[in-house]
């Protein structure tokens, strides 16, 4: 496409894969990350480092309101990371909706209609805001709210973690995954025990590729 795009980048495996995918699809890429009072800053450091390696403009937007409004394991270290009864304790109410809303506001100021995010319905870990129905609804809502033809791209929506690893291989940038951060605990080396680490390790194992990051 001869158009620019905004990539929502957490510094993790999925958003980095989407970033590389977007570089192949769009003319110019702007990278944005969100500081929402998360459990650790490791992922933000990873996002900045990856954007720098790719020579891309990177902006971090602060959204402290999330921590003020919600109680969850990603914004409160006193809450244990568990599967939970209805949702995992790591589910942050309204997070992806707010991220996309803010990203759309930022994008419109630049006249950019394409938003790229790494949400995935296949391995969505119980997060309702990672489903396609939500994304399509959000796309329509944002377009109506700002009278602007936004398009939300979700290249990983129906891929398993193994398939997303293989996609990065096809894109020729598996090397970038060693700079990504996934661990919910914010540990480097990664803990290897939290749900995020387990899902990542499972994906690499099923893909037959060695995960380049170190684990405890």
N, C-alpha and C. Protein backbone atom coordinates (compact mmCIF):
# COMPACT_ATOMS: atom_id res chain seq x y z
N UNK A 1 0.83 -1.19 0.00
CA UNK A 1 0.00 0.00 0.00
C UNK A 1 0.87 1.25 0.00
N UNK A 2 0.43 2.25 -0.73
CA UNK A 2 1.16 3.52 -0.77
C UNK A 2 0.61 4.47 0.28
N UNK A 3 0.37 3.92 1.47
CA UNK A 3 -0.20 4.70 2.56
C UNK A 3 0.62 4.48 3.83
N UNK A 4 0.54 5.42 4.78
CA UNK A 4 1.23 5.24 6.06
C UNK A 4 0.34 4.48 7.04
N UNK A 5 0.92 4.06 8.15
CA UNK A 5 0.16 3.34 9.17
C UNK A 5 0.74 3.63 10.55
N UNK A 6 -0.13 3.50 11.55
CA UNK A 6 0.28 3.59 12.95
C UNK A 6 0.30 2.16 13.51
N UNK A 7 1.39 1.76 14.13
CA UNK A 7 1.48 0.44 14.73
C UNK A 7 1.48 0.59 16.25
N UNK A 8 0.53 -0.08 16.91
CA UNK A 8 0.48 -0.10 18.37
C UNK A 8 1.48 -1.15 18.84
N UNK A 9 2.51 -0.71 19.54
CA UNK A 9 3.62 -1.61 19.85
C UNK A 9 3.88 -1.69 21.35
N UNK A 10 3.76 -2.88 21.90
CA UNK A 10 3.97 -3.08 23.34
C UNK A 10 5.41 -3.45 23.66
N UNK A 11 6.14 -3.87 22.63
CA UNK A 11 7.49 -4.37 22.85
C UNK A 11 7.51 -5.89 22.94
N UNK A 12 6.33 -6.50 22.77
CA UNK A 12 6.20 -7.95 22.85
C UNK A 12 6.36 -8.65 21.52
N UNK A 13 6.27 -9.96 21.56
CA UNK A 13 6.43 -10.80 20.38
C UNK A 13 5.40 -10.49 19.30
N UNK A 14 4.13 -10.43 19.69
CA UNK A 14 3.07 -10.24 18.70
C UNK A 14 3.12 -8.87 18.04
N UNK A 15 3.25 -7.82 18.84
CA UNK A 15 3.24 -6.48 18.25
C UNK A 15 4.49 -6.24 17.41
N UNK A 16 5.60 -6.91 17.75
CA UNK A 16 6.81 -6.78 16.94
C UNK A 16 6.64 -7.49 15.61
N UNK A 17 5.97 -8.63 15.63
CA UNK A 17 5.67 -9.33 14.38
C UNK A 17 4.77 -8.46 13.50
N UNK A 18 3.80 -7.81 14.12
CA UNK A 18 2.91 -6.92 13.37
C UNK A 18 3.66 -5.71 12.82
N UNK A 19 4.63 -5.24 13.57
CA UNK A 19 5.44 -4.11 13.13
C UNK A 19 6.21 -4.46 11.86
N UNK A 20 6.83 -5.63 11.86
CA UNK A 20 7.57 -6.07 10.69
C UNK A 20 6.62 -6.31 9.51
N UNK A 21 5.47 -6.90 9.81
CA UNK A 21 4.44 -7.11 8.77
C UNK A 21 4.04 -5.78 8.15
N UNK A 22 3.83 -4.78 8.98
CA UNK A 22 3.42 -3.46 8.50
C UNK A 22 4.48 -2.81 7.64
N UNK A 23 5.74 -3.04 7.96
CA UNK A 23 6.83 -2.47 7.17
C UNK A 23 6.82 -2.99 5.74
N UNK A 24 6.28 -4.20 5.57
CA UNK A 24 6.19 -4.80 4.23
C UNK A 24 4.95 -4.30 3.47
N UNK A 25 3.97 -3.77 4.23
CA UNK A 25 2.69 -3.43 3.63
C UNK A 25 2.46 -1.94 3.40
N UNK A 26 3.09 -1.11 4.22
CA UNK A 26 2.79 0.31 4.17
C UNK A 26 4.00 1.17 3.83
N UNK A 27 3.73 2.35 3.34
CA UNK A 27 4.77 3.26 2.87
C UNK A 27 5.61 3.81 4.01
N UNK A 28 4.96 4.23 5.10
CA UNK A 28 5.66 4.82 6.23
C UNK A 28 4.99 4.35 7.52
N UNK A 29 5.80 4.08 8.54
CA UNK A 29 5.29 3.55 9.80
C UNK A 29 5.60 4.50 10.95
N UNK A 30 4.58 4.74 11.78
CA UNK A 30 4.75 5.46 13.04
C UNK A 30 4.46 4.45 14.14
N UNK A 31 5.30 4.40 15.16
CA UNK A 31 5.14 3.45 16.25
C UNK A 31 4.71 4.17 17.52
N UNK A 32 3.66 3.66 18.17
CA UNK A 32 3.24 4.23 19.45
C UNK A 32 3.12 3.13 20.50
N UNK A 33 3.49 3.48 21.72
CA UNK A 33 3.37 2.58 22.86
C UNK A 33 2.63 3.32 23.96
N UNK A 34 2.17 2.57 24.96
CA UNK A 34 1.38 3.19 26.03
C UNK A 34 1.97 2.86 27.40
N UNK A 35 2.16 3.91 28.18
CA UNK A 35 2.58 3.77 29.57
C UNK A 35 1.33 3.96 30.41
N UNK A 36 0.75 2.84 30.87
CA UNK A 36 -0.52 2.92 31.60
C UNK A 36 -0.38 2.49 33.06
N UNK A 37 0.86 2.62 33.57
CA UNK A 37 1.09 2.21 34.95
C UNK A 37 1.22 0.71 35.08
N UNK A 38 1.70 0.07 34.03
CA UNK A 38 1.81 -1.39 34.05
C UNK A 38 2.82 -1.88 35.08
N UNK A 39 2.73 -3.16 35.33
CA UNK A 39 3.49 -3.83 36.39
C UNK A 39 5.00 -3.57 36.30
N UNK A 40 5.49 -3.38 35.10
CA UNK A 40 6.92 -3.13 34.89
C UNK A 40 7.11 -2.28 33.63
N UNK A 41 8.30 -1.71 33.48
CA UNK A 41 8.61 -0.87 32.33
C UNK A 41 9.47 -1.61 31.31
N UNK A 42 9.73 -2.89 31.56
CA UNK A 42 10.61 -3.66 30.68
C UNK A 42 10.08 -3.67 29.25
N UNK A 43 8.77 -3.83 29.09
CA UNK A 43 8.20 -3.89 27.75
C UNK A 43 8.33 -2.56 27.02
N UNK A 44 8.23 -1.46 27.74
CA UNK A 44 8.39 -0.15 27.11
C UNK A 44 9.82 0.07 26.64
N UNK A 45 10.77 -0.41 27.42
CA UNK A 45 12.18 -0.32 27.02
C UNK A 45 12.41 -1.15 25.76
N UNK A 46 11.78 -2.32 25.72
CA UNK A 46 11.91 -3.19 24.54
C UNK A 46 11.31 -2.52 23.31
N UNK A 47 10.15 -1.90 23.48
CA UNK A 47 9.49 -1.23 22.36
C UNK A 47 10.36 -0.12 21.79
N UNK A 48 10.94 0.68 22.68
CA UNK A 48 11.81 1.77 22.23
C UNK A 48 13.05 1.26 21.52
N UNK A 49 13.63 0.19 22.06
CA UNK A 49 14.85 -0.37 21.47
C UNK A 49 14.58 -0.94 20.08
N UNK A 50 13.45 -1.62 19.92
CA UNK A 50 13.10 -2.22 18.63
C UNK A 50 12.83 -1.15 17.59
N UNK A 51 12.09 -0.12 17.97
CA UNK A 51 11.81 0.99 17.04
C UNK A 51 13.11 1.65 16.60
N UNK A 52 14.03 1.82 17.55
CA UNK A 52 15.31 2.45 17.25
C UNK A 52 16.11 1.60 16.27
N UNK A 53 16.13 0.29 16.48
CA UNK A 53 16.85 -0.62 15.60
C UNK A 53 16.32 -0.56 14.17
N UNK A 54 15.01 -0.32 14.06
CA UNK A 54 14.38 -0.25 12.74
C UNK A 54 14.38 1.16 12.17
N UNK A 55 14.87 2.12 12.96
CA UNK A 55 14.93 3.49 12.49
C UNK A 55 13.57 4.14 12.33
N UNK A 56 12.64 3.78 13.23
CA UNK A 56 11.27 4.28 13.11
C UNK A 56 10.95 5.29 14.20
N UNK A 57 10.13 6.30 13.89
CA UNK A 57 9.71 7.25 14.92
C UNK A 57 8.85 6.55 15.96
N UNK A 58 9.12 6.80 17.23
CA UNK A 58 8.42 6.10 18.30
C UNK A 58 7.92 7.09 19.35
N UNK A 59 6.66 6.96 19.69
CA UNK A 59 6.06 7.85 20.69
C UNK A 59 5.42 7.01 21.79
N UNK A 60 5.71 7.36 23.04
CA UNK A 60 5.07 6.70 24.17
C UNK A 60 4.04 7.65 24.78
N UNK A 61 2.82 7.19 24.87
CA UNK A 61 1.71 8.01 25.39
C UNK A 61 1.34 7.53 26.78
N UNK A 62 1.27 8.43 27.73
CA UNK A 62 0.93 8.07 29.10
C UNK A 62 -0.58 8.03 29.30
N UNK A 63 -1.05 6.94 29.89
CA UNK A 63 -2.47 6.77 30.17
C UNK A 63 -2.66 6.29 31.62
N UNK A 64 -2.32 7.12 32.59
CA UNK A 64 -2.43 6.71 34.00
C UNK A 64 -3.85 6.45 34.47
N UNK A 65 -4.83 6.91 33.69
CA UNK A 65 -6.23 6.74 34.08
C UNK A 65 -6.60 5.26 34.24
N UNK A 66 -5.96 4.39 33.48
CA UNK A 66 -6.28 2.96 33.57
C UNK A 66 -6.01 2.43 34.97
N UNK A 67 -4.86 2.79 35.50
CA UNK A 67 -4.49 2.32 36.83
C UNK A 67 -5.41 2.90 37.90
N UNK A 68 -5.91 4.10 37.65
CA UNK A 68 -6.81 4.74 38.61
C UNK A 68 -8.19 4.09 38.63
N UNK A 69 -8.59 3.53 37.51
CA UNK A 69 -9.96 3.00 37.38
C UNK A 69 -10.09 1.51 37.60
N UNK A 70 -9.01 0.74 37.40
CA UNK A 70 -9.13 -0.71 37.42
C UNK A 70 -8.21 -1.36 38.45
N UNK A 71 -8.54 -2.58 38.79
CA UNK A 71 -7.71 -3.39 39.66
C UNK A 71 -7.42 -4.70 38.93
N UNK A 72 -6.16 -4.94 38.63
CA UNK A 72 -5.77 -6.14 37.91
C UNK A 72 -4.28 -6.40 38.14
N UNK A 73 -3.84 -7.57 37.78
CA UNK A 73 -2.45 -7.97 38.05
C UNK A 73 -1.42 -7.25 37.20
N UNK A 74 -1.84 -6.63 36.11
CA UNK A 74 -0.88 -5.93 35.26
C UNK A 74 -0.60 -4.51 35.74
N UNK A 75 -1.47 -3.97 36.61
CA UNK A 75 -1.24 -2.63 37.13
C UNK A 75 -1.06 -2.60 38.64
N UNK A 76 -1.16 -3.76 39.26
CA UNK A 76 -1.04 -3.84 40.71
C UNK A 76 -0.22 -5.08 41.09
N UNK A 77 0.99 -4.86 41.56
CA UNK A 77 1.89 -5.97 41.88
C UNK A 77 1.42 -6.81 43.07
N UNK A 78 0.46 -6.28 43.84
CA UNK A 78 -0.03 -7.05 44.99
C UNK A 78 -1.05 -8.10 44.57
N UNK A 79 -1.54 -8.02 43.34
CA UNK A 79 -2.50 -9.00 42.83
C UNK A 79 -1.75 -10.11 42.10
N UNK A 80 -2.01 -11.34 42.48
CA UNK A 80 -1.33 -12.47 41.88
C UNK A 80 -1.80 -12.72 40.45
N UNK A 81 -0.91 -13.21 39.64
CA UNK A 81 -1.24 -13.56 38.26
C UNK A 81 -1.88 -14.94 38.26
N UNK A 82 -3.19 -14.98 38.01
CA UNK A 82 -3.94 -16.24 38.05
C UNK A 82 -4.91 -16.31 36.87
N UNK A 83 -5.46 -17.50 36.66
CA UNK A 83 -6.44 -17.70 35.58
C UNK A 83 -7.75 -17.00 35.91
N UNK A 84 -8.11 -16.91 37.21
CA UNK A 84 -9.36 -16.26 37.60
C UNK A 84 -10.58 -17.10 37.31
N UNK A 85 -11.72 -16.68 37.84
CA UNK A 85 -12.97 -17.42 37.63
C UNK A 85 -13.60 -17.10 36.28
N UNK A 86 -13.72 -15.81 35.97
CA UNK A 86 -14.31 -15.40 34.69
C UNK A 86 -13.26 -14.91 33.70
N UNK A 87 -12.32 -14.11 34.21
CA UNK A 87 -11.24 -13.59 33.37
C UNK A 87 -9.92 -13.77 34.09
N UNK A 88 -8.82 -13.84 33.36
CA UNK A 88 -7.51 -13.89 34.02
C UNK A 88 -7.31 -12.61 34.84
N UNK A 89 -6.52 -12.71 35.90
CA UNK A 89 -6.28 -11.51 36.71
C UNK A 89 -5.49 -10.46 35.94
N UNK A 90 -4.92 -10.85 34.80
CA UNK A 90 -4.15 -9.93 33.97
C UNK A 90 -5.02 -9.18 32.96
N UNK A 91 -6.32 -9.47 32.94
CA UNK A 91 -7.21 -8.75 32.02
C UNK A 91 -7.44 -7.33 32.55
N UNK A 92 -7.22 -6.34 31.68
CA UNK A 92 -7.37 -4.93 32.05
C UNK A 92 -8.61 -4.39 31.35
N UNK A 93 -9.65 -4.12 32.11
CA UNK A 93 -10.91 -3.63 31.54
C UNK A 93 -10.69 -2.39 30.66
N UNK A 94 -11.16 -2.47 29.42
CA UNK A 94 -11.15 -1.32 28.54
C UNK A 94 -9.81 -0.94 27.94
N UNK A 95 -8.77 -1.72 28.21
CA UNK A 95 -7.43 -1.34 27.76
C UNK A 95 -7.32 -1.23 26.25
N UNK A 96 -7.69 -2.27 25.52
CA UNK A 96 -7.55 -2.20 24.07
C UNK A 96 -8.49 -1.18 23.44
N UNK A 97 -9.65 -1.01 24.03
CA UNK A 97 -10.59 0.01 23.52
C UNK A 97 -9.97 1.40 23.68
N UNK A 98 -9.39 1.65 24.84
CA UNK A 98 -8.76 2.95 25.08
C UNK A 98 -7.53 3.13 24.20
N UNK A 99 -6.72 2.10 24.07
CA UNK A 99 -5.53 2.18 23.22
C UNK A 99 -5.90 2.53 21.79
N UNK A 100 -6.89 1.85 21.26
CA UNK A 100 -7.29 2.09 19.87
C UNK A 100 -7.91 3.47 19.71
N UNK A 101 -8.66 3.91 20.70
CA UNK A 101 -9.26 5.23 20.65
C UNK A 101 -8.18 6.31 20.61
N UNK A 102 -7.21 6.20 21.51
CA UNK A 102 -6.13 7.18 21.56
C UNK A 102 -5.28 7.11 20.29
N UNK A 103 -5.00 5.90 19.82
CA UNK A 103 -4.22 5.74 18.60
C UNK A 103 -4.93 6.37 17.41
N UNK A 104 -6.25 6.22 17.37
CA UNK A 104 -7.03 6.80 16.28
C UNK A 104 -7.00 8.33 16.32
N UNK A 105 -7.10 8.90 17.51
CA UNK A 105 -7.01 10.35 17.65
C UNK A 105 -5.66 10.84 17.13
N UNK A 106 -4.61 10.16 17.56
CA UNK A 106 -3.25 10.50 17.14
C UNK A 106 -3.11 10.36 15.63
N UNK A 107 -3.65 9.27 15.10
CA UNK A 107 -3.53 9.00 13.66
C UNK A 107 -4.27 10.04 12.82
N UNK A 108 -5.45 10.43 13.27
CA UNK A 108 -6.22 11.39 12.47
C UNK A 108 -5.50 12.72 12.34
N UNK A 109 -4.80 13.13 13.39
CA UNK A 109 -4.07 14.40 13.32
C UNK A 109 -3.01 14.37 12.23
N UNK A 110 -2.56 13.16 11.90
CA UNK A 110 -1.55 13.00 10.86
C UNK A 110 -2.16 12.57 9.53
N UNK A 111 -3.49 12.44 9.51
CA UNK A 111 -4.16 12.04 8.28
C UNK A 111 -3.93 10.57 7.94
N UNK A 112 -3.68 9.75 8.98
CA UNK A 112 -3.41 8.33 8.77
C UNK A 112 -4.64 7.51 9.16
N UNK A 113 -5.10 6.67 8.25
CA UNK A 113 -6.31 5.88 8.51
C UNK A 113 -6.03 4.44 8.94
N UNK A 114 -4.80 3.98 8.74
CA UNK A 114 -4.47 2.58 9.04
C UNK A 114 -3.87 2.41 10.42
N UNK A 115 -4.50 1.54 11.21
CA UNK A 115 -4.01 1.19 12.54
C UNK A 115 -3.69 -0.30 12.55
N UNK A 116 -2.54 -0.66 13.11
CA UNK A 116 -2.14 -2.07 13.14
C UNK A 116 -1.94 -2.50 14.59
N UNK A 117 -2.62 -3.58 14.98
CA UNK A 117 -2.51 -4.07 16.36
C UNK A 117 -2.35 -5.59 16.38
N UNK A 118 -1.69 -6.10 17.41
CA UNK A 118 -1.36 -7.52 17.47
C UNK A 118 -2.33 -8.41 18.21
N UNK A 119 -3.58 -7.99 18.34
CA UNK A 119 -4.55 -8.83 19.05
C UNK A 119 -4.78 -10.13 18.28
N UNK A 120 -5.12 -11.17 19.02
CA UNK A 120 -5.26 -12.50 18.43
C UNK A 120 -6.39 -13.25 19.10
N UNK A 121 -7.33 -13.74 18.30
CA UNK A 121 -8.48 -14.46 18.83
C UNK A 121 -8.15 -15.92 19.11
N UNK A 122 -7.21 -16.49 18.38
CA UNK A 122 -6.89 -17.91 18.52
C UNK A 122 -6.30 -18.23 19.88
N UNK A 123 -5.30 -17.43 20.28
CA UNK A 123 -4.66 -17.63 21.58
C UNK A 123 -4.94 -16.43 22.47
N UNK A 124 -6.21 -16.06 22.59
CA UNK A 124 -6.54 -14.78 23.21
C UNK A 124 -6.54 -14.79 24.73
N UNK A 125 -6.27 -15.93 25.33
CA UNK A 125 -6.08 -16.04 26.78
C UNK A 125 -7.25 -15.54 27.62
N UNK A 126 -8.46 -15.55 27.06
CA UNK A 126 -9.62 -15.12 27.83
C UNK A 126 -9.86 -13.63 27.81
N UNK A 127 -9.16 -12.89 26.97
CA UNK A 127 -9.35 -11.44 26.87
C UNK A 127 -10.41 -11.13 25.82
N UNK A 128 -11.58 -10.64 26.21
CA UNK A 128 -12.64 -10.37 25.23
C UNK A 128 -12.29 -9.27 24.23
N UNK A 129 -11.36 -8.38 24.60
CA UNK A 129 -11.01 -7.29 23.68
C UNK A 129 -9.91 -7.68 22.69
N UNK A 130 -9.71 -8.98 22.52
CA UNK A 130 -8.78 -9.47 21.50
C UNK A 130 -9.53 -10.20 20.39
N UNK A 131 -10.85 -10.17 20.46
CA UNK A 131 -11.66 -10.89 19.47
C UNK A 131 -11.99 -10.03 18.24
N UNK A 132 -12.23 -10.71 17.13
CA UNK A 132 -12.51 -10.00 15.88
C UNK A 132 -13.78 -9.16 15.99
N UNK A 133 -14.80 -9.66 16.66
CA UNK A 133 -16.05 -8.91 16.80
C UNK A 133 -15.80 -7.55 17.44
N UNK A 134 -14.96 -7.53 18.45
CA UNK A 134 -14.64 -6.26 19.11
C UNK A 134 -13.90 -5.32 18.16
N UNK A 135 -12.93 -5.85 17.44
CA UNK A 135 -12.13 -5.02 16.53
C UNK A 135 -13.00 -4.41 15.44
N UNK A 136 -13.89 -5.22 14.85
CA UNK A 136 -14.76 -4.70 13.78
C UNK A 136 -15.70 -3.63 14.34
N UNK A 137 -16.21 -3.88 15.54
CA UNK A 137 -17.09 -2.91 16.18
C UNK A 137 -16.34 -1.61 16.46
N UNK A 138 -15.11 -1.74 16.95
CA UNK A 138 -14.29 -0.57 17.27
C UNK A 138 -13.95 0.22 16.02
N UNK A 139 -13.67 -0.47 14.95
CA UNK A 139 -13.36 0.20 13.69
C UNK A 139 -14.54 1.06 13.23
N UNK A 140 -15.73 0.50 13.31
CA UNK A 140 -16.92 1.24 12.91
C UNK A 140 -17.17 2.42 13.85
N UNK A 141 -17.03 2.19 15.14
CA UNK A 141 -17.26 3.24 16.14
C UNK A 141 -16.31 4.41 15.95
N UNK A 142 -15.02 4.11 15.78
CA UNK A 142 -14.02 5.17 15.61
C UNK A 142 -14.27 5.95 14.32
N UNK A 143 -14.63 5.25 13.27
CA UNK A 143 -14.89 5.91 11.99
C UNK A 143 -16.09 6.84 12.10
N UNK A 144 -17.12 6.39 12.81
CA UNK A 144 -18.31 7.23 13.00
C UNK A 144 -18.02 8.39 13.95
N UNK A 145 -17.26 8.12 15.00
CA UNK A 145 -17.00 9.14 16.00
C UNK A 145 -16.19 10.31 15.46
N UNK A 146 -15.28 10.02 14.52
CA UNK A 146 -14.40 11.07 13.99
C UNK A 146 -14.65 11.37 12.52
N UNK A 147 -15.65 10.69 11.95
CA UNK A 147 -15.97 10.88 10.53
C UNK A 147 -14.71 10.74 9.69
N UNK A 148 -14.03 9.64 9.90
CA UNK A 148 -12.74 9.38 9.24
C UNK A 148 -12.67 7.88 8.98
N UNK A 149 -12.24 7.46 7.77
CA UNK A 149 -12.29 6.03 7.40
C UNK A 149 -11.16 5.18 7.96
N UNK A 150 -11.20 4.96 9.27
CA UNK A 150 -10.16 4.13 9.87
C UNK A 150 -10.25 2.68 9.43
N UNK A 151 -9.10 2.05 9.34
CA UNK A 151 -9.01 0.63 9.04
C UNK A 151 -8.09 0.00 10.07
N UNK A 152 -8.61 -0.94 10.86
CA UNK A 152 -7.80 -1.61 11.88
C UNK A 152 -7.33 -2.95 11.31
N UNK A 153 -6.03 -3.11 11.22
CA UNK A 153 -5.43 -4.32 10.67
C UNK A 153 -4.97 -5.23 11.81
N UNK A 154 -5.34 -6.49 11.73
CA UNK A 154 -4.98 -7.47 12.77
C UNK A 154 -4.39 -8.72 12.10
N UNK A 155 -3.14 -8.65 11.66
CA UNK A 155 -2.54 -9.76 10.90
C UNK A 155 -2.42 -11.07 11.65
N UNK A 156 -2.52 -11.04 12.99
CA UNK A 156 -2.37 -12.27 13.77
C UNK A 156 -3.70 -12.82 14.28
N UNK A 157 -4.79 -12.22 13.90
CA UNK A 157 -6.09 -12.53 14.49
C UNK A 157 -6.40 -14.02 14.57
N UNK A 158 -6.14 -14.76 13.51
CA UNK A 158 -6.50 -16.17 13.50
C UNK A 158 -5.30 -17.10 13.46
N UNK A 159 -4.15 -16.60 13.92
CA UNK A 159 -2.94 -17.42 13.96
C UNK A 159 -2.68 -17.92 15.38
N UNK A 160 -2.17 -19.13 15.48
CA UNK A 160 -1.70 -19.62 16.77
C UNK A 160 -0.34 -18.98 17.03
N UNK A 161 0.17 -19.14 18.27
CA UNK A 161 1.49 -18.61 18.56
C UNK A 161 2.56 -19.23 17.66
N UNK A 162 2.41 -20.51 17.39
CA UNK A 162 3.37 -21.19 16.51
C UNK A 162 3.32 -20.58 15.11
N UNK A 163 2.13 -20.32 14.62
CA UNK A 163 1.99 -19.74 13.28
C UNK A 163 2.53 -18.32 13.22
N UNK A 164 2.40 -17.58 14.32
CA UNK A 164 2.94 -16.21 14.34
C UNK A 164 4.47 -16.24 14.33
N UNK A 165 5.06 -17.24 15.00
CA UNK A 165 6.52 -17.40 14.97
C UNK A 165 6.97 -17.70 13.54
N UNK A 166 6.25 -18.60 12.89
CA UNK A 166 6.59 -18.95 11.51
C UNK A 166 6.40 -17.76 10.57
N UNK A 167 5.40 -16.92 10.85
CA UNK A 167 5.19 -15.72 10.03
C UNK A 167 6.40 -14.81 10.13
N UNK A 168 6.92 -14.64 11.34
CA UNK A 168 8.11 -13.80 11.50
C UNK A 168 9.27 -14.37 10.71
N UNK A 169 9.34 -15.69 10.66
CA UNK A 169 10.39 -16.33 9.86
C UNK A 169 10.23 -16.01 8.39
N UNK A 170 8.99 -16.07 7.91
CA UNK A 170 8.72 -15.76 6.50
C UNK A 170 9.02 -14.30 6.18
N UNK A 171 8.83 -13.44 7.18
CA UNK A 171 9.12 -12.02 6.99
C UNK A 171 10.61 -11.73 7.08
N UNK A 172 11.37 -12.74 7.48
CA UNK A 172 12.81 -12.62 7.51
C UNK A 172 13.40 -11.84 8.67
N UNK A 173 12.65 -11.72 9.79
CA UNK A 173 13.15 -10.94 10.91
C UNK A 173 13.02 -11.67 12.25
N UNK A 174 13.28 -12.96 12.27
CA UNK A 174 13.28 -13.70 13.53
C UNK A 174 14.29 -13.12 14.51
N UNK A 175 15.33 -12.48 13.98
CA UNK A 175 16.36 -11.90 14.83
C UNK A 175 15.81 -10.85 15.79
N UNK A 176 14.76 -10.15 15.37
CA UNK A 176 14.19 -9.09 16.21
C UNK A 176 13.52 -9.63 17.47
N UNK A 177 13.09 -10.88 17.43
CA UNK A 177 12.37 -11.44 18.58
C UNK A 177 13.25 -11.56 19.83
N UNK A 178 14.56 -11.53 19.66
CA UNK A 178 15.43 -11.60 20.84
C UNK A 178 15.40 -10.31 21.65
N UNK A 179 14.86 -9.24 21.05
CA UNK A 179 14.76 -7.97 21.76
C UNK A 179 13.38 -7.76 22.38
N UNK A 180 12.46 -8.67 22.11
CA UNK A 180 11.09 -8.52 22.59
C UNK A 180 10.96 -8.94 24.04
N UNK A 181 9.87 -8.50 24.66
CA UNK A 181 9.61 -8.90 26.05
C UNK A 181 8.17 -9.38 26.18
N UNK A 182 8.01 -10.52 26.84
CA UNK A 182 6.70 -11.14 26.99
C UNK A 182 6.31 -11.36 28.45
N UNK A 183 7.28 -11.69 29.29
CA UNK A 183 7.06 -12.08 30.68
C UNK A 183 6.22 -11.08 31.48
N UNK A 184 5.12 -11.56 32.06
CA UNK A 184 4.25 -10.71 32.88
C UNK A 184 4.98 -10.15 34.10
N UNK A 185 5.97 -10.89 34.57
CA UNK A 185 6.70 -10.47 35.76
C UNK A 185 7.74 -9.40 35.46
N UNK A 186 7.98 -9.14 34.18
CA UNK A 186 8.95 -8.13 33.80
C UNK A 186 10.39 -8.58 33.97
N UNK A 187 10.59 -9.87 34.10
CA UNK A 187 11.92 -10.40 34.37
C UNK A 187 12.76 -10.59 33.10
N UNK A 188 14.03 -10.30 33.24
CA UNK A 188 15.02 -10.59 32.19
C UNK A 188 16.22 -11.22 32.87
N UNK A 189 16.52 -12.49 32.68
CA UNK A 189 15.80 -13.46 31.84
C UNK A 189 14.34 -13.66 32.29
N UNK A 190 13.52 -14.06 31.34
CA UNK A 190 12.09 -14.25 31.60
C UNK A 190 11.86 -15.37 32.61
N UNK A 191 10.75 -15.27 33.36
CA UNK A 191 10.49 -16.25 34.42
C UNK A 191 10.23 -17.64 33.88
N UNK A 192 9.60 -17.74 32.71
CA UNK A 192 9.31 -19.04 32.12
C UNK A 192 8.12 -19.75 32.74
N UNK A 193 7.49 -19.11 33.73
CA UNK A 193 6.40 -19.76 34.46
C UNK A 193 5.06 -19.06 34.35
N UNK A 194 5.05 -17.76 34.08
CA UNK A 194 3.78 -17.03 33.99
C UNK A 194 3.03 -17.45 32.72
N UNK A 195 1.72 -17.18 32.64
CA UNK A 195 0.95 -17.60 31.45
C UNK A 195 1.52 -17.08 30.14
N UNK A 196 2.04 -15.85 30.14
CA UNK A 196 2.58 -15.28 28.91
C UNK A 196 3.83 -16.03 28.46
N UNK A 197 4.70 -16.34 29.40
CA UNK A 197 5.92 -17.09 29.08
C UNK A 197 5.57 -18.49 28.57
N UNK A 198 4.65 -19.14 29.25
CA UNK A 198 4.27 -20.50 28.86
C UNK A 198 3.69 -20.53 27.45
N UNK A 199 2.86 -19.54 27.12
CA UNK A 199 2.25 -19.49 25.79
C UNK A 199 3.32 -19.23 24.73
N UNK A 200 4.24 -18.35 25.05
CA UNK A 200 5.32 -18.05 24.11
C UNK A 200 6.20 -19.29 23.88
N UNK A 201 6.60 -19.94 24.96
CA UNK A 201 7.44 -21.14 24.85
C UNK A 201 6.75 -22.24 24.06
N UNK A 202 5.46 -22.40 24.30
CA UNK A 202 4.67 -23.41 23.58
C UNK A 202 4.66 -23.11 22.08
N UNK A 203 4.51 -21.83 21.74
CA UNK A 203 4.48 -21.44 20.34
C UNK A 203 5.79 -21.73 19.62
N UNK A 204 6.90 -21.39 20.25
CA UNK A 204 8.20 -21.65 19.64
C UNK A 204 8.44 -23.15 19.50
N UNK A 205 8.07 -23.91 20.53
CA UNK A 205 8.27 -25.36 20.49
C UNK A 205 7.49 -25.98 19.35
N UNK A 206 6.22 -25.58 19.21
CA UNK A 206 5.38 -26.14 18.16
C UNK A 206 5.84 -25.70 16.76
N UNK A 207 6.48 -24.53 16.70
CA UNK A 207 6.99 -24.03 15.42
C UNK A 207 8.33 -24.67 15.07
N UNK A 208 8.94 -25.35 16.05
CA UNK A 208 10.22 -25.99 15.81
C UNK A 208 11.36 -25.00 15.72
N UNK A 209 11.21 -23.88 16.41
CA UNK A 209 12.22 -22.82 16.39
C UNK A 209 12.63 -22.49 17.82
N UNK A 210 13.90 -22.26 18.04
CA UNK A 210 14.39 -21.95 19.38
C UNK A 210 14.09 -20.49 19.72
N UNK A 211 13.47 -20.28 20.87
CA UNK A 211 13.18 -18.92 21.34
C UNK A 211 14.51 -18.24 21.66
N UNK A 212 14.78 -17.07 21.06
CA UNK A 212 16.07 -16.41 21.25
C UNK A 212 16.27 -15.70 22.59
N UNK A 213 15.19 -15.55 23.39
CA UNK A 213 15.37 -14.86 24.66
C UNK A 213 15.75 -15.84 25.76
N UNK A 214 16.50 -15.40 26.77
CA UNK A 214 16.88 -16.29 27.88
C UNK A 214 15.78 -16.43 28.91
N UNK A 215 15.74 -17.58 29.56
CA UNK A 215 14.77 -17.85 30.62
C UNK A 215 15.50 -18.32 31.88
N UNK A 216 14.87 -18.05 33.03
CA UNK A 216 15.42 -18.58 34.27
C UNK A 216 15.21 -20.08 34.33
